[in-house]
């Protein structure tokens, strides 16, 4: 598994355009994977973040390392790109065991389907109920977490507006079904995984 941090210049016009258009964001992230076939590429997940140093960065998770073109990598919109391979018990594929506890961070597309339409959830209770129901499906139990409603992200794809309701979840989880959790961790959580949602970041609780 590979993790890439792309530190961006928040004042550059290309960065501002990406922040205002989630489809441009998606195209920027995927530009680093052009050399791979769809079969070899697997799922690419990412999240826009503000690290501890206050800079703006895209965090990318992939099963293959990205290769950004030199002109893109040296543009003024990008301050730095750092890719690292992370091994799990000496293996490239994630290895989890039942009972393992982790601090987690997740940005999710918080929607429900009613009458064939996806409707974004707003109220905190609805956001918590939604997440707790899905935690069972991804093979974990929750041991305290915060939820931050981040509103909507929008973009323009082929002349049509796209829009996603999102919320951020942070707290502690424990693995209860390692097979379910491994699948979710690799492939992403819920919807809008190509648009900055679904990446689960973990730090082991000692």
N, C-alpha and C. Protein backbone atom coordinates (compact mmCIF):
# COMPACT_ATOMS: atom_id res chain seq x y z
N UNK A 1 0.85 -1.19 0.00
CA UNK A 1 0.00 0.00 0.00
C UNK A 1 0.89 1.24 0.00
N UNK A 2 0.53 2.22 -0.83
CA UNK A 2 1.31 3.44 -0.94
C UNK A 2 0.49 4.64 -0.45
N UNK A 3 1.20 5.53 0.25
CA UNK A 3 0.58 6.78 0.69
C UNK A 3 1.39 7.95 0.15
N UNK A 4 0.69 8.89 -0.45
CA UNK A 4 1.33 10.05 -1.04
C UNK A 4 0.75 11.32 -0.43
N UNK A 5 1.63 12.22 -0.03
CA UNK A 5 1.19 13.54 0.44
C UNK A 5 1.61 14.57 -0.60
N UNK A 6 0.63 15.28 -1.11
CA UNK A 6 0.89 16.34 -2.09
C UNK A 6 0.59 17.67 -1.41
N UNK A 7 1.63 18.41 -1.10
CA UNK A 7 1.47 19.70 -0.43
C UNK A 7 1.23 20.76 -1.50
N UNK A 8 0.16 21.51 -1.34
CA UNK A 8 -0.28 22.47 -2.35
C UNK A 8 -0.12 23.91 -1.87
N UNK A 9 0.09 24.79 -2.82
CA UNK A 9 0.13 26.22 -2.55
C UNK A 9 -1.30 26.74 -2.54
N UNK A 10 -1.84 27.11 -1.36
CA UNK A 10 -3.25 27.50 -1.28
C UNK A 10 -3.57 28.79 -2.01
N UNK A 11 -2.54 29.59 -2.33
CA UNK A 11 -2.78 30.86 -3.01
C UNK A 11 -2.73 30.73 -4.54
N UNK A 12 -2.30 29.57 -5.04
CA UNK A 12 -2.16 29.42 -6.49
C UNK A 12 -3.54 29.19 -7.12
N UNK A 13 -3.74 29.73 -8.30
CA UNK A 13 -5.05 29.66 -8.94
C UNK A 13 -5.48 28.22 -9.24
N UNK A 14 -4.53 27.34 -9.57
CA UNK A 14 -4.89 25.94 -9.83
C UNK A 14 -5.41 25.25 -8.57
N UNK A 15 -4.81 25.58 -7.43
CA UNK A 15 -5.28 25.02 -6.15
C UNK A 15 -6.67 25.55 -5.83
N UNK A 16 -6.87 26.83 -6.01
CA UNK A 16 -8.18 27.44 -5.72
C UNK A 16 -9.26 26.82 -6.60
N UNK A 17 -8.94 26.59 -7.87
CA UNK A 17 -9.90 25.97 -8.78
C UNK A 17 -10.26 24.56 -8.33
N UNK A 18 -9.26 23.81 -7.87
CA UNK A 18 -9.52 22.45 -7.40
C UNK A 18 -10.40 22.45 -6.15
N UNK A 19 -10.15 23.38 -5.26
CA UNK A 19 -10.94 23.45 -4.03
C UNK A 19 -12.39 23.82 -4.32
N UNK A 20 -12.60 24.54 -5.42
CA UNK A 20 -13.95 24.97 -5.79
C UNK A 20 -14.64 24.02 -6.75
N UNK A 21 -13.93 23.01 -7.23
CA UNK A 21 -14.51 22.08 -8.20
C UNK A 21 -13.97 20.68 -7.92
N UNK A 22 -14.80 19.83 -7.33
CA UNK A 22 -14.35 18.51 -6.90
C UNK A 22 -13.99 17.61 -8.08
N UNK A 23 -14.54 17.90 -9.27
CA UNK A 23 -14.18 17.09 -10.43
C UNK A 23 -12.76 17.42 -10.90
N UNK A 24 -12.37 18.70 -10.84
CA UNK A 24 -10.99 19.06 -11.16
C UNK A 24 -10.03 18.45 -10.14
N UNK A 25 -10.48 18.38 -8.92
CA UNK A 25 -9.70 17.73 -7.85
C UNK A 25 -9.45 16.27 -8.21
N UNK A 26 -10.52 15.60 -8.61
CA UNK A 26 -10.44 14.18 -8.99
C UNK A 26 -9.47 13.98 -10.16
N UNK A 27 -9.58 14.81 -11.17
CA UNK A 27 -8.72 14.68 -12.35
C UNK A 27 -7.25 14.93 -11.99
N UNK A 28 -7.01 15.87 -11.09
CA UNK A 28 -5.65 16.15 -10.64
C UNK A 28 -5.05 14.94 -9.93
N UNK A 29 -5.80 14.34 -9.01
CA UNK A 29 -5.31 13.17 -8.28
C UNK A 29 -5.03 12.02 -9.25
N UNK A 30 -5.95 11.76 -10.16
CA UNK A 30 -5.81 10.62 -11.06
C UNK A 30 -4.77 10.84 -12.14
N UNK A 31 -4.31 12.06 -12.32
CA UNK A 31 -3.27 12.32 -13.33
C UNK A 31 -1.96 11.61 -12.98
N UNK A 32 -1.80 11.22 -11.74
CA UNK A 32 -0.59 10.52 -11.33
C UNK A 32 -0.61 9.03 -11.61
N UNK A 33 -1.72 8.52 -12.17
CA UNK A 33 -1.86 7.08 -12.36
C UNK A 33 -2.13 6.71 -13.82
N UNK A 34 -1.76 7.58 -14.75
CA UNK A 34 -2.08 7.35 -16.16
C UNK A 34 -1.39 6.13 -16.74
N UNK A 35 -0.25 5.76 -16.22
CA UNK A 35 0.51 4.66 -16.82
C UNK A 35 -0.04 3.28 -16.45
N UNK A 36 -0.99 3.23 -15.51
CA UNK A 36 -1.50 1.94 -15.07
C UNK A 36 -2.81 1.58 -15.77
N UNK A 37 -2.98 0.30 -16.04
CA UNK A 37 -4.25 -0.18 -16.57
C UNK A 37 -5.27 -0.20 -15.43
N UNK A 38 -6.54 -0.19 -15.80
CA UNK A 38 -7.60 -0.21 -14.78
C UNK A 38 -7.50 -1.45 -13.91
N UNK A 39 -7.12 -2.58 -14.51
CA UNK A 39 -7.02 -3.82 -13.76
C UNK A 39 -5.92 -3.77 -12.70
N UNK A 40 -4.79 -3.17 -13.05
CA UNK A 40 -3.67 -3.11 -12.11
C UNK A 40 -3.82 -1.97 -11.11
N UNK A 41 -4.55 -0.94 -11.48
CA UNK A 41 -4.62 0.27 -10.66
C UNK A 41 -5.33 0.05 -9.33
N UNK A 42 -6.45 -0.66 -9.34
CA UNK A 42 -7.20 -0.83 -8.11
C UNK A 42 -7.86 0.49 -7.70
N UNK A 43 -8.27 0.57 -6.46
CA UNK A 43 -8.96 1.76 -5.96
C UNK A 43 -7.97 2.81 -5.49
N UNK A 44 -8.15 4.04 -5.97
CA UNK A 44 -7.39 5.19 -5.48
C UNK A 44 -8.31 6.02 -4.60
N UNK A 45 -7.88 6.25 -3.36
CA UNK A 45 -8.65 7.06 -2.42
C UNK A 45 -7.84 8.28 -2.03
N UNK A 46 -8.52 9.38 -1.75
CA UNK A 46 -7.79 10.58 -1.32
C UNK A 46 -8.67 11.43 -0.42
N UNK A 47 -8.02 12.36 0.28
CA UNK A 47 -8.72 13.31 1.12
C UNK A 47 -7.91 14.60 1.16
N UNK A 48 -8.58 15.72 1.05
CA UNK A 48 -7.91 17.01 1.21
C UNK A 48 -7.81 17.30 2.70
N UNK A 49 -6.61 17.71 3.15
CA UNK A 49 -6.35 17.87 4.58
C UNK A 49 -5.55 19.14 4.85
N UNK A 50 -5.63 19.60 6.08
CA UNK A 50 -4.73 20.65 6.57
C UNK A 50 -3.87 20.00 7.65
N UNK A 51 -2.61 19.63 7.33
CA UNK A 51 -1.73 18.97 8.31
C UNK A 51 -1.44 19.87 9.52
N UNK A 52 -0.70 19.31 10.49
CA UNK A 52 -0.40 20.04 11.73
C UNK A 52 0.36 21.34 11.48
N UNK A 53 1.12 21.39 10.37
CA UNK A 53 1.89 22.61 10.10
C UNK A 53 1.06 23.69 9.41
N UNK A 54 -0.24 23.41 9.19
CA UNK A 54 -1.14 24.41 8.63
C UNK A 54 -1.16 24.48 7.12
N UNK A 55 -0.36 23.65 6.45
CA UNK A 55 -0.35 23.67 5.00
C UNK A 55 -1.54 22.88 4.45
N UNK A 56 -1.86 23.10 3.17
CA UNK A 56 -2.92 22.35 2.51
C UNK A 56 -2.30 21.17 1.78
N UNK A 57 -2.90 19.98 1.93
CA UNK A 57 -2.33 18.79 1.31
C UNK A 57 -3.42 17.81 0.89
N UNK A 58 -3.11 17.07 -0.16
CA UNK A 58 -3.94 15.94 -0.57
C UNK A 58 -3.25 14.67 -0.08
N UNK A 59 -3.98 13.81 0.65
CA UNK A 59 -3.47 12.53 1.12
C UNK A 59 -4.05 11.46 0.21
N UNK A 60 -3.19 10.68 -0.44
CA UNK A 60 -3.63 9.70 -1.44
C UNK A 60 -3.22 8.30 -1.00
N UNK A 61 -4.17 7.36 -1.07
CA UNK A 61 -3.90 5.95 -0.78
C UNK A 61 -4.09 5.15 -2.06
N UNK A 62 -3.10 4.32 -2.39
CA UNK A 62 -3.18 3.54 -3.63
C UNK A 62 -2.41 2.24 -3.48
N UNK A 63 -2.73 1.26 -4.32
CA UNK A 63 -2.02 -0.02 -4.27
C UNK A 63 -0.79 0.00 -5.17
N UNK A 64 -0.66 1.04 -5.99
CA UNK A 64 0.52 1.24 -6.83
C UNK A 64 1.02 2.67 -6.61
N UNK A 65 2.32 2.94 -6.79
CA UNK A 65 2.81 4.31 -6.57
C UNK A 65 2.43 5.23 -7.72
N UNK A 66 2.02 6.46 -7.43
CA UNK A 66 1.70 7.40 -8.50
C UNK A 66 2.96 7.93 -9.16
N UNK A 67 2.80 8.37 -10.41
CA UNK A 67 3.89 8.99 -11.15
C UNK A 67 3.35 10.26 -11.78
N UNK A 68 3.63 11.39 -11.17
CA UNK A 68 3.16 12.66 -11.71
C UNK A 68 4.15 13.18 -12.74
N UNK A 69 3.61 13.74 -13.82
CA UNK A 69 4.46 14.26 -14.89
C UNK A 69 5.35 15.38 -14.35
N UNK A 70 6.58 15.50 -14.87
CA UNK A 70 7.51 16.52 -14.38
C UNK A 70 6.95 17.94 -14.42
N UNK A 71 6.23 18.29 -15.47
CA UNK A 71 5.71 19.66 -15.54
C UNK A 71 4.67 19.92 -14.47
N UNK A 72 3.89 18.87 -14.12
CA UNK A 72 2.90 19.01 -13.06
C UNK A 72 3.58 19.05 -11.69
N UNK A 73 4.56 18.15 -11.49
CA UNK A 73 5.22 18.05 -10.20
C UNK A 73 6.01 19.31 -9.86
N UNK A 74 6.44 20.08 -10.87
CA UNK A 74 7.23 21.28 -10.62
C UNK A 74 6.43 22.57 -10.83
N UNK A 75 5.13 22.44 -10.99
CA UNK A 75 4.32 23.64 -11.14
C UNK A 75 4.26 24.39 -9.81
N UNK A 76 3.94 25.66 -9.87
CA UNK A 76 3.92 26.47 -8.65
C UNK A 76 2.75 26.11 -7.74
N UNK A 77 1.80 25.34 -8.25
CA UNK A 77 0.68 24.93 -7.41
C UNK A 77 1.10 23.87 -6.41
N UNK A 78 2.17 23.12 -6.72
CA UNK A 78 2.61 22.03 -5.87
C UNK A 78 3.91 22.41 -5.17
N UNK A 79 3.89 22.32 -3.85
CA UNK A 79 5.09 22.62 -3.06
C UNK A 79 5.97 21.38 -2.93
N UNK A 80 5.35 20.22 -2.69
CA UNK A 80 6.13 19.00 -2.52
C UNK A 80 5.25 17.78 -2.72
N UNK A 81 5.88 16.68 -3.17
CA UNK A 81 5.20 15.39 -3.29
C UNK A 81 6.06 14.33 -2.61
N UNK A 82 5.46 13.57 -1.70
CA UNK A 82 6.21 12.54 -0.96
C UNK A 82 5.40 11.25 -0.95
N UNK A 83 5.97 10.20 -1.55
CA UNK A 83 5.30 8.90 -1.61
C UNK A 83 6.08 7.89 -0.78
N UNK A 84 5.35 7.14 0.06
CA UNK A 84 5.96 6.11 0.89
C UNK A 84 5.16 4.82 0.79
N UNK A 85 5.88 3.70 0.77
CA UNK A 85 5.22 2.40 0.83
C UNK A 85 5.08 2.01 2.29
N UNK A 86 3.89 1.61 2.68
CA UNK A 86 3.63 1.19 4.05
C UNK A 86 3.38 -0.31 4.05
N UNK A 87 4.12 -1.02 4.87
CA UNK A 87 3.96 -2.46 4.99
C UNK A 87 3.18 -2.81 6.25
N UNK A 88 2.40 -3.86 6.15
CA UNK A 88 1.61 -4.35 7.28
C UNK A 88 2.15 -5.72 7.65
N UNK A 89 2.83 -5.79 8.78
CA UNK A 89 3.46 -7.05 9.21
C UNK A 89 4.34 -7.61 8.10
N UNK A 90 5.06 -6.72 7.44
CA UNK A 90 5.98 -7.12 6.38
C UNK A 90 5.34 -7.35 5.03
N UNK A 91 4.04 -7.13 4.92
CA UNK A 91 3.32 -7.35 3.66
C UNK A 91 2.78 -6.04 3.13
N UNK A 92 2.61 -5.98 1.80
CA UNK A 92 2.10 -4.75 1.20
C UNK A 92 0.59 -4.63 1.38
N UNK A 93 -0.10 -5.77 1.55
CA UNK A 93 -1.54 -5.73 1.76
C UNK A 93 -1.85 -5.55 3.25
N UNK A 94 -2.91 -4.81 3.56
CA UNK A 94 -3.26 -4.57 4.96
C UNK A 94 -3.52 -5.86 5.73
N UNK A 95 -3.05 -5.89 6.97
CA UNK A 95 -3.29 -7.04 7.84
C UNK A 95 -3.89 -6.52 9.14
N UNK A 96 -5.12 -6.93 9.42
CA UNK A 96 -5.78 -6.52 10.65
C UNK A 96 -6.21 -7.78 11.41
N UNK A 97 -6.29 -7.65 12.72
CA UNK A 97 -6.77 -8.74 13.56
C UNK A 97 -7.93 -8.26 14.40
N UNK A 98 -8.85 -9.14 14.67
CA UNK A 98 -9.98 -8.80 15.54
C UNK A 98 -9.44 -8.34 16.89
N UNK A 99 -10.03 -7.27 17.42
CA UNK A 99 -9.62 -6.74 18.71
C UNK A 99 -8.63 -5.59 18.61
N UNK A 100 -8.04 -5.37 17.42
CA UNK A 100 -7.14 -4.23 17.25
C UNK A 100 -7.92 -2.92 17.34
N UNK A 101 -7.36 -1.93 18.05
CA UNK A 101 -8.01 -0.63 18.20
C UNK A 101 -7.17 0.45 17.50
N UNK A 102 -7.85 1.39 16.87
CA UNK A 102 -7.18 2.45 16.13
C UNK A 102 -7.90 3.77 16.32
N UNK A 103 -7.11 4.82 16.34
CA UNK A 103 -7.69 6.15 16.12
C UNK A 103 -7.91 6.27 14.62
N UNK A 104 -9.02 6.87 14.24
CA UNK A 104 -9.34 6.96 12.81
C UNK A 104 -9.80 8.36 12.42
N UNK A 105 -9.65 8.64 11.14
CA UNK A 105 -10.21 9.85 10.54
C UNK A 105 -10.81 9.45 9.20
N UNK A 106 -12.00 9.97 8.92
CA UNK A 106 -12.74 9.58 7.72
C UNK A 106 -13.61 10.74 7.26
N UNK A 107 -13.57 11.03 5.97
CA UNK A 107 -14.54 11.95 5.37
C UNK A 107 -15.50 11.11 4.55
N UNK A 108 -16.80 11.26 4.81
CA UNK A 108 -17.79 10.38 4.19
C UNK A 108 -18.87 11.18 3.48
N UNK A 109 -19.41 10.57 2.44
CA UNK A 109 -20.56 11.11 1.71
C UNK A 109 -21.82 10.64 2.44
N UNK A 110 -22.38 11.50 3.26
CA UNK A 110 -23.45 11.14 4.18
C UNK A 110 -24.81 11.33 3.51
N UNK A 111 -25.30 10.27 2.88
CA UNK A 111 -26.59 10.32 2.18
C UNK A 111 -27.42 9.09 2.48
N UNK A 112 -28.72 9.24 2.31
CA UNK A 112 -29.64 8.11 2.33
C UNK A 112 -30.47 8.17 1.05
N UNK A 113 -31.01 7.04 0.64
CA UNK A 113 -31.81 6.98 -0.58
C UNK A 113 -33.29 6.92 -0.22
N UNK A 114 -34.03 7.89 -0.74
CA UNK A 114 -35.48 7.93 -0.51
C UNK A 114 -36.17 8.20 -1.84
N UNK A 115 -37.13 7.35 -2.16
CA UNK A 115 -37.86 7.45 -3.43
C UNK A 115 -36.91 7.51 -4.61
N UNK A 116 -35.83 6.73 -4.53
CA UNK A 116 -34.89 6.65 -5.64
C UNK A 116 -33.91 7.80 -5.73
N UNK A 117 -33.94 8.73 -4.76
CA UNK A 117 -33.05 9.88 -4.77
C UNK A 117 -32.14 9.87 -3.54
N UNK A 118 -30.91 10.30 -3.74
CA UNK A 118 -29.98 10.41 -2.62
C UNK A 118 -30.15 11.76 -1.94
N UNK A 119 -30.37 11.72 -0.64
CA UNK A 119 -30.62 12.94 0.13
C UNK A 119 -29.53 13.09 1.19
N UNK A 120 -28.92 14.26 1.25
CA UNK A 120 -27.85 14.53 2.21
C UNK A 120 -28.38 14.72 3.62
N UNK A 121 -27.67 14.17 4.59
CA UNK A 121 -28.06 14.29 5.99
C UNK A 121 -27.40 15.52 6.62
N UNK A 122 -28.11 16.18 7.51
CA UNK A 122 -27.64 17.45 8.08
C UNK A 122 -27.48 17.39 9.59
N UNK A 123 -28.51 16.97 10.29
CA UNK A 123 -28.51 17.05 11.75
C UNK A 123 -27.54 16.04 12.36
N UNK A 124 -26.96 16.42 13.50
CA UNK A 124 -25.93 15.58 14.13
C UNK A 124 -26.46 14.19 14.46
N UNK A 125 -27.67 14.10 15.00
CA UNK A 125 -28.21 12.78 15.35
C UNK A 125 -28.32 11.89 14.11
N UNK A 126 -28.77 12.47 13.01
CA UNK A 126 -28.90 11.70 11.77
C UNK A 126 -27.54 11.26 11.27
N UNK A 127 -26.55 12.15 11.38
CA UNK A 127 -25.19 11.82 10.95
C UNK A 127 -24.59 10.71 11.81
N UNK A 128 -24.87 10.73 13.11
CA UNK A 128 -24.36 9.69 14.00
C UNK A 128 -25.08 8.36 13.76
N UNK A 129 -26.39 8.40 13.66
CA UNK A 129 -27.15 7.17 13.43
C UNK A 129 -26.70 6.50 12.12
N UNK A 130 -26.52 7.31 11.09
CA UNK A 130 -26.08 6.81 9.77
C UNK A 130 -24.73 6.11 9.89
N UNK A 131 -23.80 6.73 10.59
CA UNK A 131 -22.45 6.19 10.70
C UNK A 131 -22.43 4.93 11.55
N UNK A 132 -23.17 4.93 12.63
CA UNK A 132 -23.18 3.78 13.54
C UNK A 132 -23.80 2.55 12.88
N UNK A 133 -24.81 2.75 12.03
CA UNK A 133 -25.37 1.62 11.30
C UNK A 133 -24.34 1.03 10.34
N UNK A 134 -23.60 1.87 9.66
CA UNK A 134 -22.61 1.41 8.68
C UNK A 134 -21.34 0.86 9.32
N UNK A 135 -21.08 1.25 10.57
CA UNK A 135 -19.92 0.70 11.27
C UNK A 135 -20.04 -0.80 11.42
N UNK A 136 -21.24 -1.29 11.64
CA UNK A 136 -21.46 -2.73 11.77
C UNK A 136 -21.11 -3.42 10.46
N UNK A 137 -21.53 -2.83 9.35
CA UNK A 137 -21.26 -3.41 8.04
C UNK A 137 -19.80 -3.42 7.66
N UNK A 138 -19.02 -2.50 8.22
CA UNK A 138 -17.61 -2.51 7.87
C UNK A 138 -16.77 -3.27 8.90
N UNK A 139 -17.43 -3.93 9.84
CA UNK A 139 -16.73 -4.84 10.73
C UNK A 139 -16.03 -4.20 11.89
N UNK A 140 -16.55 -3.09 12.41
CA UNK A 140 -15.92 -2.44 13.55
C UNK A 140 -16.96 -2.05 14.59
N UNK A 141 -16.48 -1.80 15.81
CA UNK A 141 -17.28 -1.14 16.84
C UNK A 141 -16.64 0.20 17.12
N UNK A 142 -17.45 1.17 17.50
CA UNK A 142 -16.98 2.53 17.74
C UNK A 142 -16.85 2.78 19.23
N UNK A 143 -15.76 3.45 19.62
CA UNK A 143 -15.48 3.69 21.03
C UNK A 143 -15.21 5.17 21.25
N UNK A 144 -16.20 5.98 20.90
CA UNK A 144 -16.12 7.42 21.04
C UNK A 144 -15.63 8.07 19.77
N UNK A 145 -16.39 9.05 19.29
CA UNK A 145 -15.98 9.75 18.06
C UNK A 145 -16.68 11.11 17.98
N UNK A 146 -16.10 11.98 17.19
CA UNK A 146 -16.70 13.28 16.89
C UNK A 146 -17.15 13.30 15.44
N UNK A 147 -18.17 14.08 15.16
CA UNK A 147 -18.64 14.25 13.80
C UNK A 147 -18.68 15.75 13.48
N UNK A 148 -18.14 16.12 12.33
CA UNK A 148 -18.12 17.51 11.89
C UNK A 148 -18.81 17.60 10.54
N UNK A 149 -19.93 18.32 10.50
CA UNK A 149 -20.66 18.50 9.25
C UNK A 149 -19.88 19.48 8.37
N UNK A 150 -19.45 19.04 7.19
CA UNK A 150 -18.66 19.89 6.30
C UNK A 150 -19.47 20.41 5.11
N UNK A 151 -20.77 20.23 5.16
CA UNK A 151 -21.62 20.81 4.12
C UNK A 151 -21.52 20.06 2.80
N UNK A 152 -21.51 20.83 1.70
CA UNK A 152 -21.51 20.24 0.36
C UNK A 152 -20.24 20.58 -0.40
N UNK A 153 -19.80 19.65 -1.23
CA UNK A 153 -18.75 19.92 -2.20
C UNK A 153 -19.38 19.81 -3.58
N UNK A 154 -18.93 20.67 -4.48
CA UNK A 154 -19.54 20.74 -5.81
C UNK A 154 -18.49 20.68 -6.90
N UNK A 155 -18.95 20.38 -8.10
CA UNK A 155 -18.06 20.38 -9.25
C UNK A 155 -18.85 20.41 -10.53
N UNK A 156 -18.13 20.40 -11.64
CA UNK A 156 -18.77 20.43 -12.96
C UNK A 156 -18.15 19.32 -13.80
N UNK A 157 -18.97 18.36 -14.19
CA UNK A 157 -18.52 17.24 -15.01
C UNK A 157 -19.30 17.21 -16.31
N UNK A 158 -18.59 17.43 -17.40
CA UNK A 158 -19.21 17.42 -18.73
C UNK A 158 -20.40 18.37 -18.81
N UNK A 159 -20.24 19.54 -18.19
CA UNK A 159 -21.28 20.57 -18.26
C UNK A 159 -22.41 20.39 -17.27
N UNK A 160 -22.35 19.35 -16.42
CA UNK A 160 -23.40 19.12 -15.44
C UNK A 160 -22.83 19.28 -14.03
N UNK A 161 -23.62 19.91 -13.16
CA UNK A 161 -23.17 20.09 -11.78
C UNK A 161 -23.25 18.77 -11.03
N UNK A 162 -22.20 18.46 -10.27
CA UNK A 162 -22.23 17.33 -9.35
C UNK A 162 -22.09 17.89 -7.94
N UNK A 163 -22.72 17.24 -6.97
CA UNK A 163 -22.74 17.76 -5.61
C UNK A 163 -22.78 16.59 -4.63
N UNK A 164 -21.97 16.71 -3.55
CA UNK A 164 -21.90 15.64 -2.56
C UNK A 164 -21.99 16.24 -1.17
N UNK A 165 -22.83 15.65 -0.33
CA UNK A 165 -22.93 16.04 1.08
C UNK A 165 -21.88 15.27 1.86
N UNK A 166 -21.08 15.97 2.67
CA UNK A 166 -19.99 15.30 3.38
C UNK A 166 -19.95 15.67 4.86
N UNK A 167 -19.36 14.74 5.63
CA UNK A 167 -19.10 14.97 7.06
C UNK A 167 -17.81 14.26 7.39
N UNK A 168 -17.12 14.77 8.41
CA UNK A 168 -15.87 14.16 8.85
C UNK A 168 -16.08 13.48 10.20
N UNK A 169 -15.54 12.27 10.33
CA UNK A 169 -15.64 11.49 11.56
C UNK A 169 -14.24 11.21 12.10
N UNK A 170 -14.05 11.42 13.39
CA UNK A 170 -12.76 11.19 14.03
C UNK A 170 -13.00 10.56 15.40
N UNK A 171 -12.24 9.52 15.73
CA UNK A 171 -12.41 8.89 17.03
C UNK A 171 -11.63 7.60 17.12
N UNK A 172 -12.20 6.62 17.83
CA UNK A 172 -11.54 5.33 18.04
C UNK A 172 -12.48 4.22 17.60
N UNK A 173 -11.92 3.26 16.86
CA UNK A 173 -12.68 2.09 16.45
C UNK A 173 -11.91 0.82 16.84
N UNK A 174 -12.65 -0.28 16.94
CA UNK A 174 -12.04 -1.58 17.19
C UNK A 174 -12.50 -2.56 16.12
N UNK A 175 -11.56 -3.33 15.59
CA UNK A 175 -11.87 -4.30 14.54
C UNK A 175 -12.62 -5.48 15.16
N UNK A 176 -13.79 -5.79 14.58
CA UNK A 176 -14.59 -6.92 15.04
C UNK A 176 -14.65 -8.03 13.99
N UNK A 177 -14.55 -7.65 12.73
CA UNK A 177 -14.54 -8.62 11.62
C UNK A 177 -13.45 -8.18 10.67
N UNK A 178 -12.29 -8.82 10.75
CA UNK A 178 -11.13 -8.34 10.02
C UNK A 178 -11.30 -8.41 8.51
N UNK A 179 -12.06 -9.40 8.02
CA UNK A 179 -12.26 -9.51 6.58
C UNK A 179 -13.10 -8.35 6.05
N UNK A 180 -14.18 -8.03 6.73
CA UNK A 180 -15.02 -6.90 6.32
C UNK A 180 -14.25 -5.59 6.40
N UNK A 181 -13.50 -5.42 7.50
CA UNK A 181 -12.80 -4.15 7.67
C UNK A 181 -11.68 -4.00 6.65
N UNK A 182 -10.97 -5.08 6.34
CA UNK A 182 -9.90 -5.02 5.34
C UNK A 182 -10.46 -4.62 3.98
N UNK A 183 -11.59 -5.18 3.62
CA UNK A 183 -12.22 -4.84 2.33
C UNK A 183 -12.59 -3.36 2.28
N UNK A 184 -13.18 -2.85 3.38
CA UNK A 184 -13.57 -1.44 3.43
C UNK A 184 -12.34 -0.54 3.41
N UNK A 185 -11.31 -0.92 4.14
CA UNK A 185 -10.10 -0.12 4.20
C UNK A 185 -9.45 0.02 2.83
N UNK A 186 -9.41 -1.06 2.06
CA UNK A 186 -8.78 -1.04 0.74
C UNK A 186 -9.65 -0.33 -0.29
N UNK A 187 -10.95 -0.60 -0.27
CA UNK A 187 -11.84 -0.11 -1.33
C UNK A 187 -12.58 1.17 -0.98
N UNK A 188 -12.50 1.59 0.29
CA UNK A 188 -13.15 2.85 0.67
C UNK A 188 -14.51 2.66 1.29
N UNK A 189 -14.95 3.68 2.01
CA UNK A 189 -16.19 3.64 2.78
C UNK A 189 -17.28 4.43 2.08
N UNK A 190 -18.45 3.82 1.91
CA UNK A 190 -19.64 4.47 1.40
C UNK A 190 -19.45 4.99 -0.03
N UNK A 191 -20.11 6.11 -0.35
CA UNK A 191 -20.15 6.61 -1.72
C UNK A 191 -19.10 7.71 -1.96
N UNK A 192 -19.07 8.19 -3.22
CA UNK A 192 -18.20 9.31 -3.64
C UNK A 192 -16.73 9.06 -3.36
N UNK A 193 -16.31 7.82 -3.53
CA UNK A 193 -14.91 7.47 -3.22
C UNK A 193 -13.92 8.08 -4.22
N UNK A 194 -14.39 8.44 -5.40
CA UNK A 194 -13.51 9.09 -6.36
C UNK A 194 -13.43 10.60 -6.19
N UNK A 195 -14.14 11.12 -5.18
CA UNK A 195 -14.22 12.56 -5.01
C UNK A 195 -13.88 12.99 -3.58
N UNK A 196 -12.86 12.37 -3.03
CA UNK A 196 -12.33 12.82 -1.73
C UNK A 196 -13.00 12.22 -0.52
N UNK A 197 -13.84 11.21 -0.70
CA UNK A 197 -14.52 10.57 0.43
C UNK A 197 -14.09 9.10 0.52
N UNK A 198 -14.23 8.52 1.70
CA UNK A 198 -14.07 7.09 1.86
C UNK A 198 -12.72 6.61 2.36
N UNK A 199 -11.69 7.47 2.37
CA UNK A 199 -10.37 7.09 2.86
C UNK A 199 -10.37 7.04 4.39
N UNK A 200 -10.00 5.88 4.95
CA UNK A 200 -9.93 5.71 6.40
C UNK A 200 -8.45 5.78 6.82
N UNK A 201 -8.09 6.83 7.56
CA UNK A 201 -6.73 6.96 8.09
C UNK A 201 -6.70 6.40 9.51
N UNK A 202 -5.63 5.62 9.81
CA UNK A 202 -5.56 4.91 11.08
C UNK A 202 -4.26 5.18 11.82
N UNK A 203 -4.32 5.17 13.15
CA UNK A 203 -3.14 5.19 14.01
C UNK A 203 -3.41 4.22 15.15
N UNK A 204 -2.54 3.25 15.33
CA UNK A 204 -2.78 2.18 16.31
C UNK A 204 -2.83 2.75 17.72
N UNK A 205 -3.81 2.30 18.48
CA UNK A 205 -3.94 2.67 19.90
C UNK A 205 -3.14 1.66 20.70
N UNK A 206 -2.18 2.14 21.47
CA UNK A 206 -1.30 1.24 22.25
C UNK A 206 -2.02 0.70 23.47
